Amino acid sequence: MMNVQETNRKWIDNKAIRLLFWLLFGYFLLLFAIVLIRSIVSGITYDEAYTYMNFGRIDLFNYNTLRHLYSKAGCIANNHWLNSMLINLCHLITGVDYNEFLIRLPSLVFFVLYLIGVGYGYKRKQFSLTTLFFLVSNYYLLEFYGLARGYGMANTCVFLHSLHIKSGSTLIILR
């Protein structure tokens, strides 16, 4: 049977863990709000416009178009394939043309996945609190997630894969 001191210590530890969780959750929300506002307010860049005009409005159900898109002719620096496909999907679902926010929406979704992955890695004690702040507070990463260029998506995929390798499990999400 536990005595009063052990019970109090457990209660204090649980309270500190809950406080840390809510502080991190608030910090993640703040970062998401910053990236969201930046993606809404900032003007379109040349790279985003080029990607949208040349790769973001193609017919996904035409084999010849897709073959050209993913052949040597479509392999240019602005054509990040996953980014182009998701921009095209947003365009097809909404039917809205020339909307900067919809062009950047896939990057924002991947930013949420990145934040969930960072939180998951911290929960599994795969890195420290300091590392968590370095991972989520990097200015260049926040910039990548606020623009539709594909680098934020690539960063999320690489980070989640490295978590998968580090955990040594077969399926990281279902743990």
N, C-alpha and C. Protein backbone atom coordinates (compact mmCIF):
# COMPACT_ATOMS: atom_id res chain seq x y z
N MET A 1 0.83 -1.18 0.00
CA MET A 1 0.00 0.00 0.00
C MET A 1 0.88 1.25 0.00
N MET A 2 0.46 2.26 -0.76
CA MET A 2 1.25 3.48 -0.86
C MET A 2 0.95 4.41 0.31
N ASN A 3 1.98 5.08 0.73
CA ASN A 3 1.75 6.07 1.78
C ASN A 3 1.39 7.41 1.15
N VAL A 4 1.13 8.39 2.00
CA VAL A 4 0.65 9.69 1.53
C VAL A 4 1.70 10.41 0.69
N GLN A 5 2.96 10.30 1.06
CA GLN A 5 4.02 10.99 0.31
C GLN A 5 4.14 10.45 -1.12
N GLU A 6 4.07 9.13 -1.28
CA GLU A 6 4.14 8.55 -2.63
C GLU A 6 2.95 8.96 -3.47
N THR A 7 1.78 9.00 -2.87
CA THR A 7 0.57 9.42 -3.57
C THR A 7 0.69 10.87 -4.01
N ASN A 8 1.16 11.73 -3.13
CA ASN A 8 1.35 13.14 -3.48
C ASN A 8 2.38 13.30 -4.59
N ARG A 9 3.47 12.54 -4.53
CA ARG A 9 4.51 12.63 -5.55
C ARG A 9 3.95 12.20 -6.91
N LYS A 10 3.18 11.13 -6.96
CA LYS A 10 2.58 10.70 -8.22
C LYS A 10 1.63 11.76 -8.76
N TRP A 11 0.84 12.36 -7.88
CA TRP A 11 -0.10 13.38 -8.31
C TRP A 11 0.64 14.58 -8.88
N ILE A 12 1.73 14.98 -8.22
CA ILE A 12 2.53 16.12 -8.71
C ILE A 12 3.17 15.77 -10.04
N ASP A 13 3.70 14.55 -10.19
CA ASP A 13 4.30 14.14 -11.46
C ASP A 13 3.27 14.15 -12.58
N ASN A 14 2.08 13.62 -12.31
CA ASN A 14 1.03 13.62 -13.33
C ASN A 14 0.60 15.03 -13.68
N LYS A 15 0.55 15.90 -12.69
CA LYS A 15 0.17 17.28 -12.95
C LYS A 15 1.23 17.97 -13.81
N ALA A 16 2.50 17.71 -13.54
CA ALA A 16 3.58 18.30 -14.34
C ALA A 16 3.54 17.78 -15.78
N ILE A 17 3.24 16.50 -15.95
CA ILE A 17 3.16 15.93 -17.30
C ILE A 17 2.00 16.55 -18.06
N ARG A 18 0.86 16.71 -17.40
CA ARG A 18 -0.29 17.34 -18.06
C ARG A 18 0.02 18.79 -18.43
N LEU A 19 0.68 19.50 -17.53
CA LEU A 19 1.04 20.90 -17.81
C LEU A 19 1.98 20.97 -19.01
N LEU A 20 2.98 20.09 -19.05
CA LEU A 20 3.91 20.06 -20.17
C LEU A 20 3.17 19.74 -21.47
N PHE A 21 2.24 18.79 -21.42
CA PHE A 21 1.46 18.45 -22.61
C PHE A 21 0.71 19.67 -23.13
N TRP A 22 0.01 20.37 -22.26
CA TRP A 22 -0.78 21.52 -22.70
C TRP A 22 0.10 22.67 -23.17
N LEU A 23 1.26 22.84 -22.55
CA LEU A 23 2.20 23.87 -23.03
C LEU A 23 2.70 23.54 -24.43
N LEU A 24 3.06 22.27 -24.66
CA LEU A 24 3.52 21.87 -25.99
C LEU A 24 2.40 21.96 -27.01
N PHE A 25 1.21 21.57 -26.62
CA PHE A 25 0.06 21.66 -27.52
C PHE A 25 -0.20 23.12 -27.90
N GLY A 26 -0.13 24.02 -26.93
CA GLY A 26 -0.30 25.45 -27.21
C GLY A 26 0.80 25.99 -28.12
N TYR A 27 2.03 25.53 -27.89
CA TYR A 27 3.15 25.96 -28.73
C TYR A 27 2.97 25.46 -30.16
N PHE A 28 2.52 24.21 -30.32
CA PHE A 28 2.26 23.67 -31.65
C PHE A 28 1.14 24.44 -32.34
N LEU A 29 0.10 24.79 -31.60
CA LEU A 29 -0.99 25.58 -32.17
C LEU A 29 -0.50 26.96 -32.61
N LEU A 30 0.36 27.56 -31.80
CA LEU A 30 0.93 28.86 -32.15
C LEU A 30 1.75 28.75 -33.44
N LEU A 31 2.58 27.72 -33.54
CA LEU A 31 3.37 27.54 -34.76
C LEU A 31 2.47 27.30 -35.97
N PHE A 32 1.43 26.50 -35.78
CA PHE A 32 0.51 26.26 -36.89
C PHE A 32 -0.19 27.55 -37.31
N ALA A 33 -0.57 28.37 -36.33
CA ALA A 33 -1.22 29.64 -36.65
C ALA A 33 -0.27 30.55 -37.43
N ILE A 34 1.00 30.56 -37.04
CA ILE A 34 1.99 31.38 -37.74
C ILE A 34 2.13 30.92 -39.19
N VAL A 35 2.27 29.61 -39.39
CA VAL A 35 2.42 29.08 -40.74
C VAL A 35 1.15 29.30 -41.55
N LEU A 36 -0.01 29.12 -40.93
CA LEU A 36 -1.28 29.32 -41.61
C LEU A 36 -1.45 30.77 -42.05
N ILE A 37 -1.18 31.71 -41.16
CA ILE A 37 -1.30 33.13 -41.50
C ILE A 37 -0.31 33.51 -42.58
N ARG A 38 0.91 32.98 -42.48
CA ARG A 38 1.91 33.27 -43.50
C ARG A 38 1.47 32.72 -44.86
N SER A 39 0.87 31.55 -44.87
CA SER A 39 0.45 30.99 -46.15
C SER A 39 -0.74 31.73 -46.74
N ILE A 40 -1.56 32.33 -45.90
CA ILE A 40 -2.70 33.09 -46.40
C ILE A 40 -2.27 34.48 -46.88
N VAL A 41 -1.39 35.11 -46.13
CA VAL A 41 -1.05 36.52 -46.38
C VAL A 41 0.01 36.70 -47.46
N SER A 42 1.01 35.85 -47.48
CA SER A 42 2.13 36.09 -48.40
C SER A 42 1.71 35.85 -49.85
N GLY A 43 2.30 36.64 -50.72
CA GLY A 43 2.00 36.53 -52.15
C GLY A 43 2.60 35.28 -52.74
N ILE A 44 2.14 34.95 -53.92
CA ILE A 44 2.61 33.74 -54.58
C ILE A 44 4.02 33.95 -55.10
N THR A 45 4.84 32.93 -55.01
CA THR A 45 6.21 33.01 -55.51
C THR A 45 6.26 32.51 -56.95
N TYR A 46 7.36 32.77 -57.60
CA TYR A 46 7.53 32.33 -58.98
C TYR A 46 7.44 30.80 -59.08
N ASP A 47 8.10 30.12 -58.15
CA ASP A 47 8.10 28.65 -58.18
C ASP A 47 6.69 28.08 -58.03
N GLU A 48 5.92 28.65 -57.11
CA GLU A 48 4.55 28.16 -56.91
C GLU A 48 3.70 28.41 -58.15
N ALA A 49 3.84 29.58 -58.72
CA ALA A 49 3.05 29.91 -59.92
C ALA A 49 3.42 28.99 -61.07
N TYR A 50 4.70 28.75 -61.25
CA TYR A 50 5.14 27.88 -62.34
C TYR A 50 4.64 26.46 -62.13
N THR A 51 4.74 25.97 -60.91
CA THR A 51 4.27 24.62 -60.61
C THR A 51 2.78 24.50 -60.85
N TYR A 52 2.02 25.49 -60.40
CA TYR A 52 0.58 25.43 -60.56
C TYR A 52 0.18 25.53 -62.04
N MET A 53 0.79 26.43 -62.76
CA MET A 53 0.41 26.64 -64.16
C MET A 53 0.79 25.45 -65.04
N ASN A 54 1.92 24.82 -64.75
CA ASN A 54 2.39 23.75 -65.63
C ASN A 54 2.07 22.34 -65.15
N PHE A 55 1.93 22.16 -63.85
CA PHE A 55 1.73 20.81 -63.33
C PHE A 55 0.51 20.66 -62.43
N GLY A 56 -0.05 21.76 -61.95
CA GLY A 56 -1.13 21.69 -61.00
C GLY A 56 -2.52 21.64 -61.60
N ARG A 57 -2.61 21.80 -62.89
CA ARG A 57 -3.94 21.80 -63.53
C ARG A 57 -3.98 20.82 -64.70
N ILE A 58 -3.44 19.65 -64.51
CA ILE A 58 -3.43 18.66 -65.58
C ILE A 58 -4.56 17.65 -65.36
N ASP A 59 -4.81 16.87 -66.38
CA ASP A 59 -5.84 15.83 -66.29
C ASP A 59 -5.20 14.58 -65.67
N LEU A 60 -5.55 14.29 -64.43
CA LEU A 60 -4.97 13.14 -63.75
C LEU A 60 -5.42 11.81 -64.33
N PHE A 61 -6.49 11.81 -65.10
CA PHE A 61 -7.04 10.56 -65.61
C PHE A 61 -6.63 10.28 -67.05
N ASN A 62 -5.73 11.09 -67.59
CA ASN A 62 -5.22 10.89 -68.95
C ASN A 62 -3.82 10.28 -68.85
N TYR A 63 -3.66 9.08 -69.40
CA TYR A 63 -2.39 8.37 -69.29
C TYR A 63 -1.25 9.12 -69.97
N ASN A 64 -1.49 9.68 -71.14
CA ASN A 64 -0.42 10.38 -71.87
C ASN A 64 0.06 11.61 -71.11
N THR A 65 -0.86 12.31 -70.45
CA THR A 65 -0.48 13.49 -69.66
C THR A 65 0.38 13.08 -68.47
N LEU A 66 -0.04 12.03 -67.79
CA LEU A 66 0.74 11.56 -66.64
C LEU A 66 2.09 11.01 -67.08
N ARG A 67 2.14 10.34 -68.21
CA ARG A 67 3.41 9.81 -68.71
C ARG A 67 4.37 10.95 -69.01
N HIS A 68 3.87 12.03 -69.61
CA HIS A 68 4.71 13.19 -69.89
C HIS A 68 5.16 13.86 -68.60
N LEU A 69 4.25 13.95 -67.63
CA LEU A 69 4.56 14.61 -66.36
C LEU A 69 5.68 13.91 -65.62
N TYR A 70 5.70 12.60 -65.66
CA TYR A 70 6.69 11.84 -64.90
C TYR A 70 7.78 11.24 -65.78
N SER A 71 7.91 11.74 -66.98
CA SER A 71 9.01 11.32 -67.85
C SER A 71 10.17 12.30 -67.68
N LYS A 72 11.16 12.14 -68.52
CA LYS A 72 12.32 13.02 -68.44
C LYS A 72 11.95 14.48 -68.72
N ALA A 73 10.94 14.70 -69.57
CA ALA A 73 10.52 16.07 -69.89
C ALA A 73 9.90 16.76 -68.67
N GLY A 74 9.25 15.99 -67.80
CA GLY A 74 8.62 16.57 -66.62
C GLY A 74 9.53 16.68 -65.42
N CYS A 75 10.76 16.20 -65.56
CA CYS A 75 11.71 16.22 -64.44
C CYS A 75 12.47 17.54 -64.42
N ILE A 76 11.85 18.55 -63.89
CA ILE A 76 12.52 19.83 -63.71
C ILE A 76 12.45 20.18 -62.23
N ALA A 77 13.16 21.18 -61.83
CA ALA A 77 13.28 21.50 -60.41
C ALA A 77 11.95 21.89 -59.77
N ASN A 78 11.04 22.46 -60.53
CA ASN A 78 9.77 22.89 -59.95
C ASN A 78 8.75 21.78 -59.83
N ASN A 79 9.00 20.64 -60.41
CA ASN A 79 8.02 19.57 -60.38
C ASN A 79 8.37 18.56 -59.28
N HIS A 80 7.95 18.88 -58.07
CA HIS A 80 8.01 17.89 -57.00
C HIS A 80 6.75 17.05 -57.17
N TRP A 81 6.89 15.81 -57.51
CA TRP A 81 5.77 15.00 -57.97
C TRP A 81 4.63 14.92 -56.96
N LEU A 82 4.94 14.65 -55.71
CA LEU A 82 3.88 14.56 -54.71
C LEU A 82 3.18 15.91 -54.54
N ASN A 83 3.94 16.97 -54.51
CA ASN A 83 3.38 18.31 -54.40
C ASN A 83 2.47 18.61 -55.58
N SER A 84 2.94 18.33 -56.79
CA SER A 84 2.14 18.59 -57.99
C SER A 84 0.85 17.80 -57.99
N MET A 85 0.94 16.53 -57.59
CA MET A 85 -0.26 15.69 -57.58
C MET A 85 -1.27 16.18 -56.54
N LEU A 86 -0.80 16.57 -55.36
CA LEU A 86 -1.72 17.02 -54.32
C LEU A 86 -2.32 18.39 -54.64
N ILE A 87 -1.54 19.27 -55.26
CA ILE A 87 -2.09 20.55 -55.71
C ILE A 87 -3.18 20.29 -56.74
N ASN A 88 -2.90 19.37 -57.66
CA ASN A 88 -3.88 19.02 -58.67
C ASN A 88 -5.13 18.43 -58.03
N LEU A 89 -4.96 17.60 -57.03
CA LEU A 89 -6.10 17.00 -56.33
C LEU A 89 -6.94 18.07 -55.64
N CYS A 90 -6.30 19.04 -54.99
CA CYS A 90 -7.04 20.15 -54.36
C CYS A 90 -7.81 20.93 -55.41
N HIS A 91 -7.19 21.13 -56.56
CA HIS A 91 -7.85 21.84 -57.66
C HIS A 91 -9.06 21.06 -58.16
N LEU A 92 -8.91 19.75 -58.30
CA LEU A 92 -10.03 18.93 -58.79
C LEU A 92 -11.17 18.85 -57.78
N ILE A 93 -10.86 18.74 -56.50
CA ILE A 93 -11.90 18.61 -55.47
C ILE A 93 -12.70 19.89 -55.33
N THR A 94 -12.01 21.03 -55.28
CA THR A 94 -12.70 22.30 -55.04
C THR A 94 -13.19 22.95 -56.32
N GLY A 95 -12.48 22.75 -57.41
CA GLY A 95 -12.85 23.41 -58.66
C GLY A 95 -12.48 24.88 -58.70
N VAL A 96 -11.72 25.34 -57.73
CA VAL A 96 -11.33 26.75 -57.65
C VAL A 96 -10.00 26.95 -58.37
N ASP A 97 -9.94 27.94 -59.24
CA ASP A 97 -8.72 28.26 -59.96
C ASP A 97 -7.98 29.41 -59.28
N TYR A 98 -6.66 29.36 -59.34
CA TYR A 98 -5.78 30.47 -58.95
C TYR A 98 -5.99 30.92 -57.50
N ASN A 99 -6.08 30.01 -56.59
CA ASN A 99 -6.20 30.35 -55.18
C ASN A 99 -4.92 29.94 -54.48
N GLU A 100 -4.19 30.92 -53.96
CA GLU A 100 -2.90 30.65 -53.34
C GLU A 100 -3.01 29.74 -52.12
N PHE A 101 -4.08 29.92 -51.35
CA PHE A 101 -4.25 29.08 -50.16
C PHE A 101 -4.46 27.62 -50.53
N LEU A 102 -5.26 27.35 -51.55
CA LEU A 102 -5.48 25.96 -51.97
C LEU A 102 -4.22 25.34 -52.55
N ILE A 103 -3.39 26.15 -53.17
CA ILE A 103 -2.12 25.64 -53.68
C ILE A 103 -1.23 25.23 -52.51
N ARG A 104 -1.30 25.94 -51.41
CA ARG A 104 -0.45 25.67 -50.24
C ARG A 104 -1.07 24.70 -49.24
N LEU A 105 -2.31 24.33 -49.43
CA LEU A 105 -3.00 23.45 -48.49
C LEU A 105 -2.30 22.10 -48.27
N PRO A 106 -1.80 21.43 -49.30
CA PRO A 106 -1.09 20.16 -49.04
C PRO A 106 0.12 20.33 -48.12
N SER A 107 0.85 21.42 -48.25
CA SER A 107 1.98 21.66 -47.36
C SER A 107 1.53 21.86 -45.93
N LEU A 108 0.41 22.52 -45.74
CA LEU A 108 -0.12 22.72 -44.39
C LEU A 108 -0.55 21.39 -43.76
N VAL A 109 -1.14 20.53 -44.57
CA VAL A 109 -1.52 19.20 -44.05
C VAL A 109 -0.28 18.42 -43.64
N PHE A 110 0.77 18.50 -44.43
CA PHE A 110 2.01 17.82 -44.07
C PHE A 110 2.67 18.47 -42.85
N PHE A 111 2.45 19.74 -42.63
CA PHE A 111 2.97 20.38 -41.42
C PHE A 111 2.28 19.81 -40.18
N VAL A 112 0.98 19.60 -40.27
CA VAL A 112 0.26 18.98 -39.16
C VAL A 112 0.80 17.57 -38.91
N LEU A 113 1.03 16.80 -39.97
CA LEU A 113 1.61 15.46 -39.82
C LEU A 113 2.99 15.53 -39.18
N TYR A 114 3.77 16.54 -39.56
CA TYR A 114 5.10 16.72 -38.98
C TYR A 114 5.01 17.01 -37.49
N LEU A 115 4.09 17.90 -37.09
CA LEU A 115 3.93 18.21 -35.68
C LEU A 115 3.47 16.99 -34.89
N ILE A 116 2.57 16.20 -35.47
CA ILE A 116 2.13 14.97 -34.81
C ILE A 116 3.30 14.00 -34.66
N GLY A 117 4.11 13.89 -35.70
CA GLY A 117 5.28 13.01 -35.64
C GLY A 117 6.29 13.46 -34.60
N VAL A 118 6.52 14.76 -34.50
CA VAL A 118 7.45 15.27 -33.49
C VAL A 118 6.90 15.00 -32.09
N GLY A 119 5.61 15.24 -31.90
CA GLY A 119 5.01 14.96 -30.61
C GLY A 119 5.06 13.48 -30.27
N TYR A 120 4.84 12.64 -31.26
CA TYR A 120 4.91 11.19 -31.05
C TYR A 120 6.33 10.77 -30.67
N GLY A 121 7.32 11.29 -31.37
CA GLY A 121 8.71 10.96 -31.06
C GLY A 121 9.11 11.40 -29.67
N TYR A 122 8.63 12.57 -29.26
CA TYR A 122 8.93 13.03 -27.90
C TYR A 122 8.22 12.16 -26.87
N LYS A 123 7.00 11.77 -27.15
CA LYS A 123 6.25 10.92 -26.22
C LYS A 123 6.94 9.56 -26.05
N ARG A 124 7.50 9.04 -27.12
CA ARG A 124 8.20 7.76 -27.07
C ARG A 124 9.63 7.91 -26.55
N LYS A 125 10.00 9.12 -26.13
CA LYS A 125 11.33 9.42 -25.58
C LYS A 125 12.45 9.09 -26.57
N GLN A 126 12.21 9.41 -27.85
CA GLN A 126 13.23 9.20 -28.86
C GLN A 126 14.14 10.41 -28.99
N PHE A 127 13.75 11.53 -28.40
CA PHE A 127 14.61 12.70 -28.34
C PHE A 127 14.15 13.58 -27.18
N SER A 128 14.99 14.55 -26.85
CA SER A 128 14.74 15.38 -25.68
C SER A 128 13.83 16.56 -26.00
N LEU A 129 13.47 17.29 -24.96
CA LEU A 129 12.63 18.47 -25.12
C LEU A 129 13.36 19.55 -25.91
N THR A 130 14.65 19.67 -25.71
CA THR A 130 15.45 20.65 -26.46
C THR A 130 15.44 20.31 -27.95
N THR A 131 15.60 19.04 -28.26
CA THR A 131 15.56 18.61 -29.66
C THR A 131 14.19 18.89 -30.27
N LEU A 132 13.13 18.67 -29.49
CA LEU A 132 11.79 18.96 -29.97
C LEU A 132 11.67 20.43 -30.38
N PHE A 133 12.18 21.33 -29.55
CA PHE A 133 12.10 22.75 -29.89
C PHE A 133 12.96 23.09 -31.10
N PHE A 134 14.09 22.45 -31.26
CA PHE A 134 14.90 22.67 -32.46
C PHE A 134 14.19 22.15 -33.70
N LEU A 135 13.49 21.03 -33.58
CA LEU A 135 12.80 20.46 -34.73
C LEU A 135 11.63 21.31 -35.20
N VAL A 136 10.88 21.88 -34.26
CA VAL A 136 9.68 22.61 -34.66
C VAL A 136 9.89 24.11 -34.80
N SER A 137 11.00 24.64 -34.31
CA SER A 137 11.20 26.09 -34.34
C SER A 137 12.17 26.55 -35.43
N ASN A 138 12.54 25.67 -36.31
CA ASN A 138 13.46 26.01 -37.38
C ASN A 138 12.75 26.93 -38.38
N TYR A 139 13.29 28.12 -38.56
CA TYR A 139 12.65 29.12 -39.41
C TYR A 139 12.48 28.63 -40.85
N TYR A 140 13.52 28.00 -41.39
CA TYR A 140 13.46 27.56 -42.78
C TYR A 140 12.40 26.49 -42.99
N LEU A 141 12.25 25.59 -42.01
CA LEU A 141 11.20 24.58 -42.13
C LEU A 141 9.82 25.23 -42.07
N LEU A 142 9.64 26.20 -41.19
CA LEU A 142 8.36 26.89 -41.13
C LEU A 142 8.08 27.61 -42.44
N GLU A 143 9.10 28.14 -43.05
CA GLU A 143 8.95 28.79 -44.35
C GLU A 143 8.56 27.78 -45.44
N PHE A 144 9.19 26.62 -45.41
CA PHE A 144 8.87 25.58 -46.39
C PHE A 144 7.42 25.11 -46.26
N TYR A 145 6.94 25.00 -45.03
CA TYR A 145 5.57 24.54 -44.84
C TYR A 145 4.54 25.61 -45.21
N GLY A 146 4.95 26.86 -45.23
CA GLY A 146 4.03 27.93 -45.60
C GLY A 146 3.95 28.16 -47.10
N LEU A 147 4.81 27.51 -47.87
CA LEU A 147 4.83 27.66 -49.32
C LEU A 147 4.57 26.32 -49.99
N ALA A 148 4.10 26.35 -51.20
CA ALA A 148 3.81 25.12 -51.94
C ALA A 148 4.97 24.77 -52.85
N ARG A 149 6.05 24.31 -52.25
CA ARG A 149 7.21 23.99 -53.07
C ARG A 149 7.63 22.54 -52.95
N GLY A 150 7.10 21.80 -52.01
CA GLY A 150 7.41 20.38 -51.89
C GLY A 150 8.46 20.03 -50.87
N TYR A 151 9.23 21.02 -50.43
CA TYR A 151 10.30 20.73 -49.47
C TYR A 151 9.76 20.36 -48.09
N GLY A 152 8.68 20.99 -47.68
CA GLY A 152 8.07 20.64 -46.40
C GLY A 152 7.54 19.22 -46.41
N MET A 153 6.94 18.82 -47.53
CA MET A 153 6.44 17.46 -47.66
C MET A 153 7.59 16.47 -47.59
N ALA A 154 8.66 16.77 -48.27
CA ALA A 154 9.83 15.88 -48.26
C ALA A 154 10.40 15.79 -46.85
N ASN A 155 10.45 16.91 -46.14
CA ASN A 155 10.96 16.90 -44.78
C ASN A 155 10.09 16.03 -43.88
N THR A 156 8.77 16.12 -44.02
CA THR A 156 7.87 15.30 -43.22
C THR A 156 8.09 13.83 -43.51
N CYS A 157 8.18 13.47 -44.77
CA CYS A 157 8.39 12.06 -45.12
C CYS A 157 9.71 11.53 -44.58
N VAL A 158 10.78 12.31 -44.70
CA VAL A 158 12.08 11.88 -44.20
C VAL A 158 12.06 11.77 -42.67
N PHE A 159 11.44 12.74 -42.01
CA PHE A 159 11.38 12.71 -40.55
C PHE A 159 10.58 11.51 -40.05
N LEU A 160 9.41 11.28 -40.64
CA LEU A 160 8.59 10.13 -40.20
C LEU A 160 9.29 8.81 -40.49
N HIS A 161 10.01 8.74 -41.58
CA HIS A 161 10.76 7.53 -41.88
C HIS A 161 11.90 7.33 -40.89
N SER A 162 12.58 8.40 -40.53
CA SER A 162 13.66 8.26 -39.54
C SER A 162 13.11 7.86 -38.18
N LEU A 163 11.93 8.35 -37.81
CA LEU A 163 11.29 7.89 -36.57
C LEU A 163 10.96 6.40 -36.67
N HIS A 164 10.50 5.99 -37.82
CA HIS A 164 10.17 4.59 -38.03
C HIS A 164 11.41 3.71 -37.87
N ILE A 165 12.51 4.12 -38.46
CA ILE A 165 13.75 3.36 -38.36
C ILE A 165 14.26 3.34 -36.92
N LYS A 166 14.22 4.49 -36.27
CA LYS A 166 14.73 4.57 -34.90
C LYS A 166 13.90 3.74 -33.93
N SER A 167 12.59 3.66 -34.15
CA SER A 167 11.75 2.91 -33.23
C SER A 167 11.94 1.40 -33.44
N GLY A 168 12.35 0.98 -34.62
CA GLY A 168 12.56 -0.42 -34.88
C GLY A 168 11.28 -1.22 -35.01
N SER A 169 10.15 -0.53 -35.10
CA SER A 169 8.88 -1.23 -35.22
C SER A 169 8.50 -1.39 -36.69
N THR A 170 7.50 -2.20 -36.93
CA THR A 170 7.07 -2.39 -38.30
C THR A 170 6.06 -1.35 -38.72
N LEU A 171 5.25 -0.86 -37.77
CA LEU A 171 4.23 0.13 -38.10
C LEU A 171 4.23 1.18 -36.99
N ILE A 172 4.73 2.38 -37.29
CA ILE A 172 4.92 3.38 -36.25
C ILE A 172 3.61 4.02 -35.81
N ILE A 173 2.64 4.16 -36.67
CA ILE A 173 1.42 4.87 -36.34
C ILE A 173 0.52 4.04 -35.41
N LEU A 174 0.53 2.74 -35.54
CA LEU A 174 -0.40 1.90 -34.79
C LEU A 174 0.06 1.54 -33.38
N ARG A 175 1.15 2.06 -32.94
CA ARG A 175 1.64 1.76 -31.59
C ARG A 175 0.82 2.40 -30.54
